[in-house]
């Protein structure tokens, strides 16, 4: 268990719906628990309400951990997609350059009608 700093408490208050500052003493920051602290607290308290609350809190920590793992996997997938797209952009640019070079070479060559005829003549 530890106490939040004023900065952490104000940031948390701005993210969740809380009582107005008039009704609540904002000079005193709340105590919060780590995941292990909740487990230790569950082993000390014995009332039915305490047990239910601790189970709910542990489930919340489990969901938070799963969210963090899913976010990590998603971040890795996005990184792979960016690398693939970067490679595709480079390849497409090379194709455009090759097409432009072919068009320039074609423009520089004489057209079919301008060439000297060879073969059978009347």
PDB file of N, CA and C in Angstrom:
ATOM      1  N   UNK A   1       0.847  -1.165   0.000  1.00  0.00           N
ATOM      2  CA  UNK A   1       0.000   0.000   0.000  1.00  0.00           C
ATOM      3  C   UNK A   1       0.897   1.235   0.000  1.00  0.00           C
ATOM      4  N   UNK A   2       0.513   2.240  -0.770  1.00  0.00           N
ATOM      5  CA  UNK A   2       1.256   3.493  -0.769  1.00  0.00           C
ATOM      6  C   UNK A   2       0.302   4.644  -1.027  1.00  0.00           C
ATOM      7  N   UNK A   3       0.764   5.833  -0.784  1.00  0.00           N
ATOM      8  CA  UNK A   3      -0.075   7.019  -0.947  1.00  0.00           C
ATOM      9  C   UNK A   3       0.235   7.679  -2.282  1.00  0.00           C
ATOM     10  N   UNK A   4      -0.799   8.104  -2.995  1.00  0.00           N
ATOM     11  CA  UNK A   4      -0.613   8.808  -4.262  1.00  0.00           C
ATOM     12  C   UNK A   4      -0.022  10.191  -4.018  1.00  0.00           C
ATOM     13  N   UNK A   5       0.746  10.674  -4.994  1.00  0.00           N
ATOM     14  CA  UNK A   5       1.219  12.056  -4.928  1.00  0.00           C
ATOM     15  C   UNK A   5       0.075  12.986  -5.340  1.00  0.00           C
ATOM     16  N   UNK A   6       0.226  14.258  -5.047  1.00  0.00           N
ATOM     17  CA  UNK A   6      -0.818  15.226  -5.429  1.00  0.00           C
ATOM     18  C   UNK A   6      -1.028  15.231  -6.937  1.00  0.00           C
ATOM     19  N   UNK A   7       0.061  15.152  -7.689  1.00  0.00           N
ATOM     20  CA  UNK A   7      -0.035  15.164  -9.151  1.00  0.00           C
ATOM     21  C   UNK A   7      -0.803  13.933  -9.649  1.00  0.00           C
ATOM     22  N   UNK A   8      -0.484  12.747  -9.100  1.00  0.00           N
ATOM     23  CA  UNK A   8      -1.187  11.522  -9.496  1.00  0.00           C
ATOM     24  C   UNK A   8      -2.672  11.598  -9.130  1.00  0.00           C
ATOM     25  N   UNK A   9      -2.965  12.129  -7.935  1.00  0.00           N
ATOM     26  CA  UNK A   9      -4.344  12.215  -7.480  1.00  0.00           C
ATOM     27  C   UNK A   9      -5.155  13.161  -8.358  1.00  0.00           C
ATOM     28  N   UNK A  10      -4.583  14.309  -8.715  1.00  0.00           N
ATOM     29  CA  UNK A  10      -5.290  15.252  -9.582  1.00  0.00           C
ATOM     30  C   UNK A  10      -5.494  14.669 -10.975  1.00  0.00           C
ATOM     31  N   UNK A  11      -4.487  13.953 -11.479  1.00  0.00           N
ATOM     32  CA  UNK A  11      -4.631  13.313 -12.798  1.00  0.00           C
ATOM     33  C   UNK A  11      -5.728  12.258 -12.759  1.00  0.00           C
ATOM     34  N   UNK A  12      -5.792  11.494 -11.693  1.00  0.00           N
ATOM     35  CA  UNK A  12      -6.812  10.458 -11.566  1.00  0.00           C
ATOM     36  C   UNK A  12      -8.191  11.097 -11.446  1.00  0.00           C
ATOM     37  N   UNK A  13      -8.300  12.167 -10.709  1.00  0.00           N
ATOM     38  CA  UNK A  13      -9.590  12.838 -10.536  1.00  0.00           C
ATOM     39  C   UNK A  13     -10.093  13.393 -11.857  1.00  0.00           C
ATOM     40  N   UNK A  14      -9.185  13.800 -12.737  1.00  0.00           N
ATOM     41  CA  UNK A  14      -9.627  14.351 -14.011  1.00  0.00           C
ATOM     42  C   UNK A  14     -10.089  13.256 -14.971  1.00  0.00           C
ATOM     43  N   UNK A  15      -9.740  12.005 -14.693  1.00  0.00           N
ATOM     44  CA  UNK A  15     -10.088  10.905 -15.585  1.00  0.00           C
ATOM     45  C   UNK A  15     -11.339  10.149 -15.147  1.00  0.00           C
ATOM     46  N   UNK A  16     -11.745  10.311 -13.892  1.00  0.00           N
ATOM     47  CA  UNK A  16     -12.912   9.586 -13.396  1.00  0.00           C
ATOM     48  C   UNK A  16     -13.908  10.585 -12.816  1.00  0.00           C
ATOM     49  N   UNK A  17     -15.138  10.147 -12.697  1.00  0.00           N
ATOM     50  CA  UNK A  17     -16.167  11.008 -12.121  1.00  0.00           C
ATOM     51  C   UNK A  17     -16.043  10.931 -10.609  1.00  0.00           C
ATOM     52  N   UNK A  18     -15.788  12.083  -9.982  1.00  0.00           N
ATOM     53  CA  UNK A  18     -15.647  12.119  -8.526  1.00  0.00           C
ATOM     54  C   UNK A  18     -16.486  13.264  -7.985  1.00  0.00           C
ATOM     55  N   UNK A  19     -16.617  13.295  -6.686  1.00  0.00           N
ATOM     56  CA  UNK A  19     -17.359  14.373  -6.042  1.00  0.00           C
ATOM     57  C   UNK A  19     -16.652  15.698  -6.303  1.00  0.00           C
ATOM     58  N   UNK A  20     -17.402  16.771  -6.213  1.00  0.00           N
ATOM     59  CA  UNK A  20     -16.809  18.080  -6.442  1.00  0.00           C
ATOM     60  C   UNK A  20     -15.770  18.372  -5.372  1.00  0.00           C
ATOM     61  N   UNK A  21     -14.922  19.336  -5.636  1.00  0.00           N
ATOM     62  CA  UNK A  21     -13.840  19.661  -4.706  1.00  0.00           C
ATOM     63  C   UNK A  21     -14.372  20.245  -3.402  1.00  0.00           C
ATOM     64  N   UNK A  22     -15.569  20.800  -3.423  1.00  0.00           N
ATOM     65  CA  UNK A  22     -16.149  21.364  -2.207  1.00  0.00           C
ATOM     66  C   UNK A  22     -16.486  20.243  -1.231  1.00  0.00           C
ATOM     67  N   UNK A  23     -17.009  19.143  -1.739  1.00  0.00           N
ATOM     68  CA  UNK A  23     -17.429  18.026  -0.892  1.00  0.00           C
ATOM     69  C   UNK A  23     -16.272  17.116  -0.482  1.00  0.00           C
ATOM     70  N   UNK A  24     -15.157  17.242  -1.127  1.00  0.00           N
ATOM     71  CA  UNK A  24     -14.057  16.306  -0.903  1.00  0.00           C
ATOM     72  C   UNK A  24     -12.786  17.067  -0.531  1.00  0.00           C
ATOM     73  N   UNK A  25     -12.064  16.539   0.426  1.00  0.00           N
ATOM     74  CA  UNK A  25     -10.807  17.151   0.838  1.00  0.00           C
ATOM     75  C   UNK A  25      -9.721  16.750  -0.156  1.00  0.00           C
ATOM     76  N   UNK A  26      -9.307  17.668  -1.031  1.00  0.00           N
ATOM     77  CA  UNK A  26      -8.322  17.324  -2.060  1.00  0.00           C
ATOM     78  C   UNK A  26      -6.894  17.475  -1.561  1.00  0.00           C
ATOM     79  N   UNK A  27      -6.732  17.981  -0.344  1.00  0.00           N
ATOM     80  CA  UNK A  27      -5.368  18.123   0.199  1.00  0.00           C
ATOM     81  C   UNK A  27      -4.822  16.791   0.696  1.00  0.00           C
ATOM     82  N   UNK A  28      -5.705  15.858   0.991  1.00  0.00           N
ATOM     83  CA  UNK A  28      -5.286  14.547   1.496  1.00  0.00           C
ATOM     84  C   UNK A  28      -5.406  13.548   0.352  1.00  0.00           C
ATOM     85  N   UNK A  29      -4.308  12.940  -0.006  1.00  0.00           N
ATOM     86  CA  UNK A  29      -4.325  11.974  -1.102  1.00  0.00           C
ATOM     87  C   UNK A  29      -4.668  10.580  -0.563  1.00  0.00           C
ATOM     88  N   UNK A  30      -5.291   9.741  -1.379  1.00  0.00           N
ATOM     89  CA  UNK A  30      -5.708   8.417  -0.905  1.00  0.00           C
ATOM     90  C   UNK A  30      -4.561   7.410  -0.936  1.00  0.00           C
ATOM     91  N   UNK A  31      -4.767   6.349  -0.178  1.00  0.00           N
ATOM     92  CA  UNK A  31      -3.863   5.206  -0.232  1.00  0.00           C
ATOM     93  C   UNK A  31      -4.328   4.280  -1.348  1.00  0.00           C
ATOM     94  N   UNK A  32      -3.391   3.644  -2.028  1.00  0.00           N
ATOM     95  CA  UNK A  32      -3.712   2.690  -3.087  1.00  0.00           C
ATOM     96  C   UNK A  32      -2.916   1.410  -2.860  1.00  0.00           C
ATOM     97  N   UNK A  33      -3.385   0.342  -3.476  1.00  0.00           N
ATOM     98  CA  UNK A  33      -2.760  -0.961  -3.294  1.00  0.00           C
ATOM     99  C   UNK A  33      -2.154  -1.451  -4.600  1.00  0.00           C
ATOM    100  N   UNK A  34      -1.058  -2.166  -4.479  1.00  0.00           N
ATOM    101  CA  UNK A  34      -0.518  -2.890  -5.622  1.00  0.00           C
ATOM    102  C   UNK A  34      -1.238  -4.231  -5.712  1.00  0.00           C
ATOM    103  N   UNK A  35      -0.982  -4.955  -6.766  1.00  0.00           N
ATOM    104  CA  UNK A  35      -1.612  -6.270  -6.913  1.00  0.00           C
ATOM    105  C   UNK A  35      -1.225  -7.187  -5.757  1.00  0.00           C
ATOM    106  N   UNK A  36       0.024  -7.155  -5.360  1.00  0.00           N
ATOM    107  CA  UNK A  36       0.485  -8.011  -4.257  1.00  0.00           C
ATOM    108  C   UNK A  36      -0.091  -7.531  -2.923  1.00  0.00           C
ATOM    109  N   UNK A  37      -0.248  -6.219  -2.788  1.00  0.00           N
ATOM    110  CA  UNK A  37      -0.849  -5.682  -1.564  1.00  0.00           C
ATOM    111  C   UNK A  37      -2.274  -6.155  -1.385  1.00  0.00           C
ATOM    112  N   UNK A  38      -3.027  -6.239  -2.483  1.00  0.00           N
ATOM    113  CA  UNK A  38      -4.405  -6.729  -2.406  1.00  0.00           C
ATOM    114  C   UNK A  38      -4.415  -8.184  -1.960  1.00  0.00           C
ATOM    115  N   UNK A  39      -3.485  -8.961  -2.494  1.00  0.00           N
ATOM    116  CA  UNK A  39      -3.406 -10.368  -2.083  1.00  0.00           C
ATOM    117  C   UNK A  39      -3.083 -10.510  -0.607  1.00  0.00           C
ATOM    118  N   UNK A  40      -2.167  -9.683  -0.122  1.00  0.00           N
ATOM    119  CA  UNK A  40      -1.814  -9.730   1.298  1.00  0.00           C
ATOM    120  C   UNK A  40      -2.990  -9.281   2.162  1.00  0.00           C
ATOM    121  N   UNK A  41      -3.705  -8.255   1.711  1.00  0.00           N
ATOM    122  CA  UNK A  41      -4.861  -7.769   2.453  1.00  0.00           C
ATOM    123  C   UNK A  41      -5.947  -8.841   2.518  1.00  0.00           C
ATOM    124  N   UNK A  42      -6.123  -9.577   1.426  1.00  0.00           N
ATOM    125  CA  UNK A  42      -7.140 -10.628   1.394  1.00  0.00           C
ATOM    126  C   UNK A  42      -6.840 -11.716   2.415  1.00  0.00           C
ATOM    127  N   UNK A  43      -5.576 -11.955   2.695  1.00  0.00           N
ATOM    128  CA  UNK A  43      -5.227 -12.999   3.656  1.00  0.00           C
ATOM    129  C   UNK A  43      -5.424 -12.531   5.097  1.00  0.00           C
ATOM    130  N   UNK A  44      -5.517 -11.225   5.326  1.00  0.00           N
ATOM    131  CA  UNK A  44      -5.676 -10.680   6.676  1.00  0.00           C
ATOM    132  C   UNK A  44      -7.148 -10.481   7.042  1.00  0.00           C
ATOM    133  N   UNK A  45      -7.925  -9.931   6.082  1.00  0.00           N
ATOM    134  CA  UNK A  45      -9.326  -9.626   6.370  1.00  0.00           C
ATOM    135  C   UNK A  45     -10.193 -10.868   6.177  1.00  0.00           C
ATOM    136  N   UNK A  46     -11.213 -10.999   7.045  1.00  0.00           N
ATOM    137  CA  UNK A  46     -12.036 -12.213   7.008  1.00  0.00           C
ATOM    138  C   UNK A  46     -13.512 -11.968   6.785  1.00  0.00           C
ATOM    139  N   UNK A  47     -13.991 -10.762   6.733  1.00  0.00           N
ATOM    140  CA  UNK A  47     -15.428 -10.552   6.568  1.00  0.00           C
ATOM    141  C   UNK A  47     -15.847 -10.925   5.146  1.00  0.00           C
ATOM    142  N   UNK A  48     -17.145 -11.239   4.970  1.00  0.00           N
ATOM    143  CA  UNK A  48     -17.642 -11.612   3.643  1.00  0.00           C
ATOM    144  C   UNK A  48     -17.486 -10.462   2.653  1.00  0.00           C
ATOM    145  N   UNK A  49     -17.764  -9.252   3.113  1.00  0.00           N
ATOM    146  CA  UNK A  49     -17.657  -8.078   2.242  1.00  0.00           C
ATOM    147  C   UNK A  49     -16.195  -7.860   1.814  1.00  0.00           C
ATOM    148  N   UNK A  50     -15.256  -8.026   2.749  1.00  0.00           N
ATOM    149  CA  UNK A  50     -13.835  -7.848   2.432  1.00  0.00           C
ATOM    150  C   UNK A  50     -13.386  -8.891   1.418  1.00  0.00           C
ATOM    151  N   UNK A  51     -13.840 -10.118   1.581  1.00  0.00           N
ATOM    152  CA  UNK A  51     -13.466 -11.183   0.652  1.00  0.00           C
ATOM    153  C   UNK A  51     -14.008 -10.885  -0.742  1.00  0.00           C
ATOM    154  N   UNK A  52     -15.290 -10.461  -0.834  1.00  0.00           N
ATOM    155  CA  UNK A  52     -15.879 -10.119  -2.137  1.00  0.00           C
ATOM    156  C   UNK A  52     -15.133  -8.954  -2.796  1.00  0.00           C
ATOM    157  N   UNK A  53     -14.818  -7.933  -2.025  1.00  0.00           N
ATOM    158  CA  UNK A  53     -14.095  -6.779  -2.571  1.00  0.00           C
ATOM    159  C   UNK A  53     -12.706  -7.192  -3.070  1.00  0.00           C
ATOM    160  N   UNK A  54     -12.022  -8.002  -2.306  1.00  0.00           N
ATOM    161  CA  UNK A  54     -10.681  -8.422  -2.709  1.00  0.00           C
ATOM    162  C   UNK A  54     -10.710  -9.288  -3.963  1.00  0.00           C
ATOM    163  N   UNK A  55     -11.725 -10.123  -4.083  1.00  0.00           N
ATOM    164  CA  UNK A  55     -11.867 -10.927  -5.304  1.00  0.00           C
ATOM    165  C   UNK A  55     -12.102 -10.012  -6.495  1.00  0.00           C
ATOM    166  N   UNK A  56     -12.954  -9.011  -6.315  1.00  0.00           N
ATOM    167  CA  UNK A  56     -13.222  -8.066  -7.405  1.00  0.00           C
ATOM    168  C   UNK A  56     -11.958  -7.295  -7.791  1.00  0.00           C
ATOM    169  N   UNK A  57     -11.191  -6.891  -6.781  1.00  0.00           N
ATOM    170  CA  UNK A  57      -9.960  -6.127  -7.065  1.00  0.00           C
ATOM    171  C   UNK A  57      -8.935  -7.008  -7.768  1.00  0.00           C
ATOM    172  N   UNK A  58      -8.780  -8.237  -7.326  1.00  0.00           N
ATOM    173  CA  UNK A  58      -7.827  -9.151  -7.981  1.00  0.00           C
ATOM    174  C   UNK A  58      -8.254  -9.394  -9.424  1.00  0.00           C
ATOM    175  N   UNK A  59      -9.548  -9.557  -9.674  1.00  0.00           N
ATOM    176  CA  UNK A  59     -10.032  -9.728 -11.052  1.00  0.00           C
ATOM    177  C   UNK A  59      -9.728  -8.489 -11.897  1.00  0.00           C
ATOM    178  N   UNK A  60      -9.852  -7.327 -11.293  1.00  0.00           N
ATOM    179  CA  UNK A  60      -9.532  -6.087 -12.020  1.00  0.00           C
ATOM    180  C   UNK A  60      -8.042  -6.059 -12.396  1.00  0.00           C
ATOM    181  N   UNK A  61      -7.179  -6.458 -11.466  1.00  0.00           N
ATOM    182  CA  UNK A  61      -5.747  -6.503 -11.774  1.00  0.00           C
ATOM    183  C   UNK A  61      -5.448  -7.521 -12.873  1.00  0.00           C
ATOM    184  N   UNK A  62      -6.127  -8.653 -12.854  1.00  0.00           N
ATOM    185  CA  UNK A  62      -5.937  -9.663 -13.897  1.00  0.00           C
ATOM    186  C   UNK A  62      -6.360  -9.107 -15.249  1.00  0.00           C
ATOM    187  N   UNK A  63      -7.508  -8.424 -15.282  1.00  0.00           N
ATOM    188  CA  UNK A  63      -7.975  -7.824 -16.542  1.00  0.00           C
ATOM    189  C   UNK A  63      -7.000  -6.761 -17.028  1.00  0.00           C
ATOM    190  N   UNK A  64      -6.455  -5.983 -16.111  1.00  0.00           N
ATOM    191  CA  UNK A  64      -5.483  -4.954 -16.480  1.00  0.00           C
ATOM    192  C   UNK A  64      -4.225  -5.585 -17.061  1.00  0.00           C
ATOM    193  N   UNK A  65      -3.759  -6.658 -16.453  1.00  0.00           N
ATOM    194  CA  UNK A  65      -2.573  -7.347 -16.974  1.00  0.00           C
ATOM    195  C   UNK A  65      -2.841  -7.907 -18.366  1.00  0.00           C
ATOM    196  N   UNK A  66      -4.017  -8.501 -18.572  1.00  0.00           N
ATOM    197  CA  UNK A  66      -4.368  -9.046 -19.881  1.00  0.00           C
ATOM    198  C   UNK A  66      -4.427  -7.942 -20.925  1.00  0.00           C
ATOM    199  N   UNK A  67      -5.001  -6.788 -20.543  1.00  0.00           N
ATOM    200  CA  UNK A  67      -5.047  -5.648 -21.453  1.00  0.00           C
ATOM    201  C   UNK A  67      -3.638  -5.220 -21.844  1.00  0.00           C
ATOM    202  N   UNK A  68      -2.732  -5.177 -20.880  1.00  0.00           N
ATOM    203  CA  UNK A  68      -1.348  -4.776 -21.160  1.00  0.00           C
ATOM    204  C   UNK A  68      -0.677  -5.765 -22.113  1.00  0.00           C
ATOM    205  N   UNK A  69      -0.932  -7.057 -21.926  1.00  0.00           N
ATOM    206  CA  UNK A  69      -0.350  -8.064 -22.814  1.00  0.00           C
ATOM    207  C   UNK A  69      -0.924  -7.948 -24.223  1.00  0.00           C
ATOM    208  N   UNK A  70      -2.239  -7.742 -24.314  1.00  0.00           N
ATOM    209  CA  UNK A  70      -2.865  -7.577 -25.630  1.00  0.00           C
ATOM    210  C   UNK A  70      -2.330  -6.337 -26.324  1.00  0.00           C
ATOM    211  N   UNK A  71      -2.128  -5.267 -25.570  1.00  0.00           N
ATOM    212  CA  UNK A  71      -1.596  -4.022 -26.137  1.00  0.00           C
ATOM    213  C   UNK A  71      -0.189  -4.247 -26.677  1.00  0.00           C
ATOM    214  N   UNK A  72       0.608  -5.034 -25.952  1.00  0.00           N
ATOM    215  CA  UNK A  72       1.977  -5.325 -26.396  1.00  0.00           C
ATOM    216  C   UNK A  72       1.944  -6.099 -27.714  1.00  0.00           C
ATOM    217  N   UNK A  73       1.076  -7.112 -27.803  1.00  0.00           N
ATOM    218  CA  UNK A  73       0.948  -7.891 -29.040  1.00  0.00           C
ATOM    219  C   UNK A  73       0.501  -7.000 -30.193  1.00  0.00           C
ATOM    220  N   UNK A  74      -0.464  -6.129 -29.921  1.00  0.00           N
ATOM    221  CA  UNK A  74      -0.967  -5.219 -30.957  1.00  0.00           C
ATOM    222  C   UNK A  74       0.138  -4.275 -31.432  1.00  0.00           C
ATOM    223  N   UNK A  75       0.933  -3.776 -30.509  1.00  0.00           N
ATOM    224  CA  UNK A  75       2.034  -2.872 -30.867  1.00  0.00           C
ATOM    225  C   UNK A  75       3.053  -3.589 -31.753  1.00  0.00           C
ATOM    226  N   UNK A  76       3.337  -4.849 -31.457  1.00  0.00           N
ATOM    227  CA  UNK A  76       4.276  -5.617 -32.279  1.00  0.00           C
ATOM    228  C   UNK A  76       3.716  -5.840 -33.684  1.00  0.00           C
ATOM    229  N   UNK A  77       2.419  -6.132 -33.779  1.00  0.00           N
ATOM    230  CA  UNK A  77       1.802  -6.332 -35.090  1.00  0.00           C
ATOM    231  C   UNK A  77       1.833  -5.041 -35.913  1.00  0.00           C
ATOM    232  N   UNK A  78       1.563  -3.929 -35.285  1.00  0.00           N
ATOM    233  CA  UNK A  78       1.614  -2.638 -35.992  1.00  0.00           C
ATOM    234  C   UNK A  78       3.033  -2.363 -36.490  1.00  0.00           C
ATOM    235  N   UNK A  79       4.012  -2.702 -35.685  1.00  0.00           N
ATOM    236  CA  UNK A  79       5.411  -2.512 -36.093  1.00  0.00           C
ATOM    237  C   UNK A  79       5.732  -3.349 -37.332  1.00  0.00           C
ATOM    238  N   UNK A  80       5.265  -4.599 -37.353  1.00  0.00           N
ATOM    239  CA  UNK A  80       5.497  -5.464 -38.513  1.00  0.00           C
ATOM    240  C   UNK A  80       4.805  -4.915 -39.756  1.00  0.00           C
ATOM    241  N   UNK A  81       3.584  -4.434 -39.597  1.00  0.00           N
ATOM    242  CA  UNK A  81       2.852  -3.870 -40.743  1.00  0.00           C
ATOM    243  C   UNK A  81       3.584  -2.649 -41.287  1.00  0.00           C
ATOM    244  N   UNK A  82       4.086  -1.799 -40.415  1.00  0.00           N
ATOM    245  CA  UNK A  82       4.830  -0.612 -40.865  1.00  0.00           C
ATOM    246  C   UNK A  82       6.070  -1.014 -41.659  1.00  0.00           C
ATOM    247  N   UNK A  83       6.762  -2.050 -41.198  1.00  0.00           N
ATOM    248  CA  UNK A  83       7.950  -2.504 -41.920  1.00  0.00           C
ATOM    249  C   UNK A  83       7.575  -3.022 -43.302  1.00  0.00           C
ATOM    250  N   UNK A  84       6.490  -3.767 -43.391  1.00  0.00           N
ATOM    251  CA  UNK A  84       6.050  -4.297 -44.685  1.00  0.00           C
ATOM    252  C   UNK A  84       5.660  -3.170 -45.627  1.00  0.00           C
ATOM    253  N   UNK A  85       4.907  -2.216 -45.131  1.00  0.00           N
ATOM    254  CA  UNK A  85       4.468  -1.101 -45.964  1.00  0.00           C
ATOM    255  C   UNK A  85       5.664  -0.294 -46.439  1.00  0.00           C
ATOM    256  N   UNK A  86       6.633  -0.111 -45.572  1.00  0.00           N
ATOM    257  CA  UNK A  86       7.845   0.626 -45.958  1.00  0.00           C
ATOM    258  C   UNK A  86       8.540  -0.090 -47.103  1.00  0.00           C
ATOM    259  N   UNK A  87       8.669  -1.414 -47.006  1.00  0.00           N
ATOM    260  CA  UNK A  87       9.291  -2.187 -48.081  1.00  0.00           C
ATOM    261  C   UNK A  87       8.476  -2.084 -49.365  1.00  0.00           C
ATOM    262  N   UNK A  88       7.147  -2.115 -49.253  1.00  0.00           N
ATOM    263  CA  UNK A  88       6.293  -2.011 -50.439  1.00  0.00           C
ATOM    264  C   UNK A  88       6.449  -0.644 -51.094  1.00  0.00           C
ATOM    265  N   UNK A  89       6.520   0.399 -50.310  1.00  0.00           N
ATOM    266  CA  UNK A  89       6.700   1.737 -50.875  1.00  0.00           C
ATOM    267  C   UNK A  89       7.998   1.829 -51.669  1.00  0.00           C
ATOM    268  N   UNK A  90       9.054   1.262 -51.127  1.00  0.00           N
ATOM    269  CA  UNK A  90      10.339   1.277 -51.829  1.00  0.00           C
ATOM    270  C   UNK A  90      10.244   0.509 -53.146  1.00  0.00           C
ATOM    271  N   UNK A  91       9.577  -0.647 -53.122  1.00  0.00           N
ATOM    272  CA  UNK A  91       9.440  -1.452 -54.334  1.00  0.00           C
ATOM    273  C   UNK A  91       8.579  -0.744 -55.369  1.00  0.00           C
ATOM    274  N   UNK A  92       7.494  -0.111 -54.939  1.00  0.00           N
ATOM    275  CA  UNK A  92       6.634   0.621 -55.875  1.00  0.00           C
ATOM    276  C   UNK A  92       7.394   1.787 -56.490  1.00  0.00           C
ATOM    277  N   UNK A  93       8.181   2.484 -55.699  1.00  0.00           N
ATOM    278  CA  UNK A  93       8.993   3.585 -56.233  1.00  0.00           C
ATOM    279  C   UNK A  93       9.985   3.082 -57.283  1.00  0.00           C
ATOM    280  N   UNK A  94      10.570   1.914 -57.058  1.00  0.00           N
ATOM    281  CA  UNK A  94      11.494   1.337 -58.042  1.00  0.00           C
ATOM    282  C   UNK A  94      10.753   1.005 -59.345  1.00  0.00           C
ATOM    283  N   UNK A  95       9.527   0.511 -59.233  1.00  0.00           N
ATOM    284  CA  UNK A  95       8.729   0.195 -60.426  1.00  0.00           C
ATOM    285  C   UNK A  95       8.430   1.469 -61.202  1.00  0.00           C
ATOM    286  N   UNK A  96       8.040   2.541 -60.504  1.00  0.00           N
ATOM    287  CA  UNK A  96       7.769   3.822 -61.172  1.00  0.00           C
ATOM    288  C   UNK A  96       9.003   4.343 -61.899  1.00  0.00           C
ATOM    289  N   UNK A  97      10.157   4.248 -61.273  1.00  0.00           N
ATOM    290  CA  UNK A  97      11.400   4.713 -61.905  1.00  0.00           C
ATOM    291  C   UNK A  97      11.685   3.895 -63.162  1.00  0.00           C
ATOM    292  N   UNK A  98      11.488   2.574 -63.076  1.00  0.00           N
ATOM    293  CA  UNK A  98      11.744   1.722 -64.237  1.00  0.00           C
ATOM    294  C   UNK A  98      10.781   2.065 -65.384  1.00  0.00           C
ATOM    295  N   UNK A  99       9.519   2.302 -65.079  1.00  0.00           N
ATOM    296  CA  UNK A  99       8.537   2.662 -66.122  1.00  0.00           C
ATOM    297  C   UNK A  99       8.904   3.998 -66.756  1.00  0.00           C
ATOM    298  N   UNK A 100       9.287   4.984 -65.933  1.00  0.00           N
ATOM    299  CA  UNK A 100       9.675   6.283 -66.465  1.00  0.00           C
ATOM    300  C   UNK A 100      10.890   6.157 -67.388  1.00  0.00           C
ATOM    301  N   UNK A 101      11.851   5.338 -67.000  1.00  0.00           N
ATOM    302  CA  UNK A 101      13.031   5.127 -67.847  1.00  0.00           C
ATOM    303  C   UNK A 101      12.651   4.480 -69.175  1.00  0.00           C
ATOM    304  N   UNK A 102      11.726   3.512 -69.132  1.00  0.00           N
ATOM    305  CA  UNK A 102      11.286   2.858 -70.366  1.00  0.00           C
ATOM    306  C   UNK A 102      10.574   3.852 -71.279  1.00  0.00           C
ATOM    307  N   UNK A 103       9.744   4.733 -70.699  1.00  0.00           N
ATOM    308  CA  UNK A 103       9.035   5.729 -71.491  1.00  0.00           C
ATOM    309  C   UNK A 103      10.006   6.732 -72.126  1.00  0.00           C
ATOM    310  N   UNK A 104      11.038   7.106 -71.397  1.00  0.00           N
ATOM    311  CA  UNK A 104      12.041   8.035 -71.936  1.00  0.00           C
ATOM    312  C   UNK A 104      12.784   7.392 -73.099  1.00  0.00           C
ATOM    313  N   UNK A 105      13.161   6.110 -72.933  1.00  0.00           N
ATOM    314  CA  UNK A 105      13.873   5.408 -74.005  1.00  0.00           C
ATOM    315  C   UNK A 105      12.990   5.289 -75.250  1.00  0.00           C
ATOM    316  N   UNK A 106      11.715   5.006 -75.047  1.00  0.00           N
ATOM    317  CA  UNK A 106      10.793   4.872 -76.171  1.00  0.00           C
ATOM    318  C   UNK A 106      10.640   6.209 -76.890  1.00  0.00           C
ATOM    319  N   UNK A 107      10.570   7.283 -76.140  1.00  0.00           N
ATOM    320  CA  UNK A 107      10.425   8.611 -76.738  1.00  0.00           C
ATOM    321  C   UNK A 107      11.670   8.991 -77.542  1.00  0.00           C
ATOM    322  N   UNK A 108      12.809   8.499 -77.122  1.00  0.00           N
ATOM    323  CA  UNK A 108      14.050   8.836 -77.811  1.00  0.00           C
ATOM    324  C   UNK A 108      14.211   8.042 -79.107  1.00  0.00           C
ATOM    325  N   UNK A 109      13.598   6.855 -79.200  1.00  0.00           N
ATOM    326  CA  UNK A 109      13.703   6.040 -80.409  1.00  0.00           C
ATOM    327  C   UNK A 109      12.814   6.614 -81.502  1.00  0.00           C
ATOM    328  N   UNK A 110      13.156   6.335 -82.761  1.00  0.00           N
ATOM    329  CA  UNK A 110      12.339   6.785 -83.887  1.00  0.00           C
ATOM    330  C   UNK A 110      11.056   5.981 -83.927  1.00  0.00           C
ATOM    331  N   UNK A 111      10.009   6.623 -84.386  1.00  0.00           N
ATOM    332  CA  UNK A 111       8.749   5.917 -84.515  1.00  0.00           C
ATOM    333  C   UNK A 111       8.837   4.928 -85.684  1.00  0.00           C
ATOM    334  N   UNK A 112       7.899   4.014 -85.775  1.00  0.00           N
ATOM    335  CA  UNK A 112       7.909   2.956 -86.793  1.00  0.00           C
ATOM    336  C   UNK A 112       7.848   3.549 -88.201  1.00  0.00           C
ATOM    337  N   UNK A 113       7.067   4.577 -88.375  1.00  0.00           N
ATOM    338  CA  UNK A 113       6.920   5.173 -89.703  1.00  0.00           C
ATOM    339  C   UNK A 113       8.198   5.885 -90.150  1.00  0.00           C
ATOM    340  N   UNK A 114       8.990   6.382 -89.244  1.00  0.00           N
ATOM    341  CA  UNK A 114      10.190   7.144 -89.583  1.00  0.00           C
ATOM    342  C   UNK A 114      11.372   6.247 -89.933  1.00  0.00           C
ATOM    343  N   UNK A 115      11.298   4.967 -89.632  1.00  0.00           N
ATOM    344  CA  UNK A 115      12.434   4.076 -89.896  1.00  0.00           C
ATOM    345  C   UNK A 115      12.563   3.783 -91.389  1.00  0.00           C
ATOM    346  N   UNK A 116      13.806   3.494 -91.778  1.00  0.00           N
ATOM    347  CA  UNK A 116      14.063   3.121 -93.176  1.00  0.00           C
ATOM    348  C   UNK A 116      13.538   1.718 -93.398  1.00  0.00           C
ATOM    349  N   UNK A 117      12.766   1.545 -94.482  1.00  0.00           N
ATOM    350  CA  UNK A 117      12.157   0.256 -94.769  1.00  0.00           C
ATOM    351  C   UNK A 117      13.219  -0.716 -95.281  1.00  0.00           C
ATOM    352  N   UNK A 118      13.101  -1.934 -94.829  1.00  0.00           N
ATOM    353  CA  UNK A 118      13.984  -3.003 -95.319  1.00  0.00           C
ATOM    354  C   UNK A 118      13.111  -4.123 -95.838  1.00  0.00           C
ATOM    355  N   UNK A 119      13.706  -5.029 -96.606  1.00  0.00           N
ATOM    356  CA  UNK A 119      12.956  -6.172 -97.092  1.00  0.00           C
ATOM    357  C   UNK A 119      12.508  -5.955 -98.530  1.00  0.00           C
ATOM    358  N   UNK A 120      11.446  -6.616 -98.955  1.00  0.00           N
ATOM    359  CA  UNK A 120      10.934  -6.606-100.327  1.00  0.00           C
ATOM    360  C   UNK A 120      10.451  -5.210-100.715  1.00  0.00           C
ATOM    361  N   UNK A 121      10.923  -4.725-101.877  1.00  0.00           N
ATOM    362  CA  UNK A 121      10.499  -3.428-102.359  1.00  0.00           C
ATOM    363  C   UNK A 121       9.918  -3.613-103.760  1.00  0.00           C
ATOM    364  N   UNK A 122       8.942  -2.797-104.117  1.00  0.00           N
ATOM    365  CA  UNK A 122       8.310  -2.889-105.424  1.00  0.00           C
ATOM    366  C   UNK A 122       9.123  -2.176-106.455  1.00  0.00           C
TER     367      UNK A 122
END
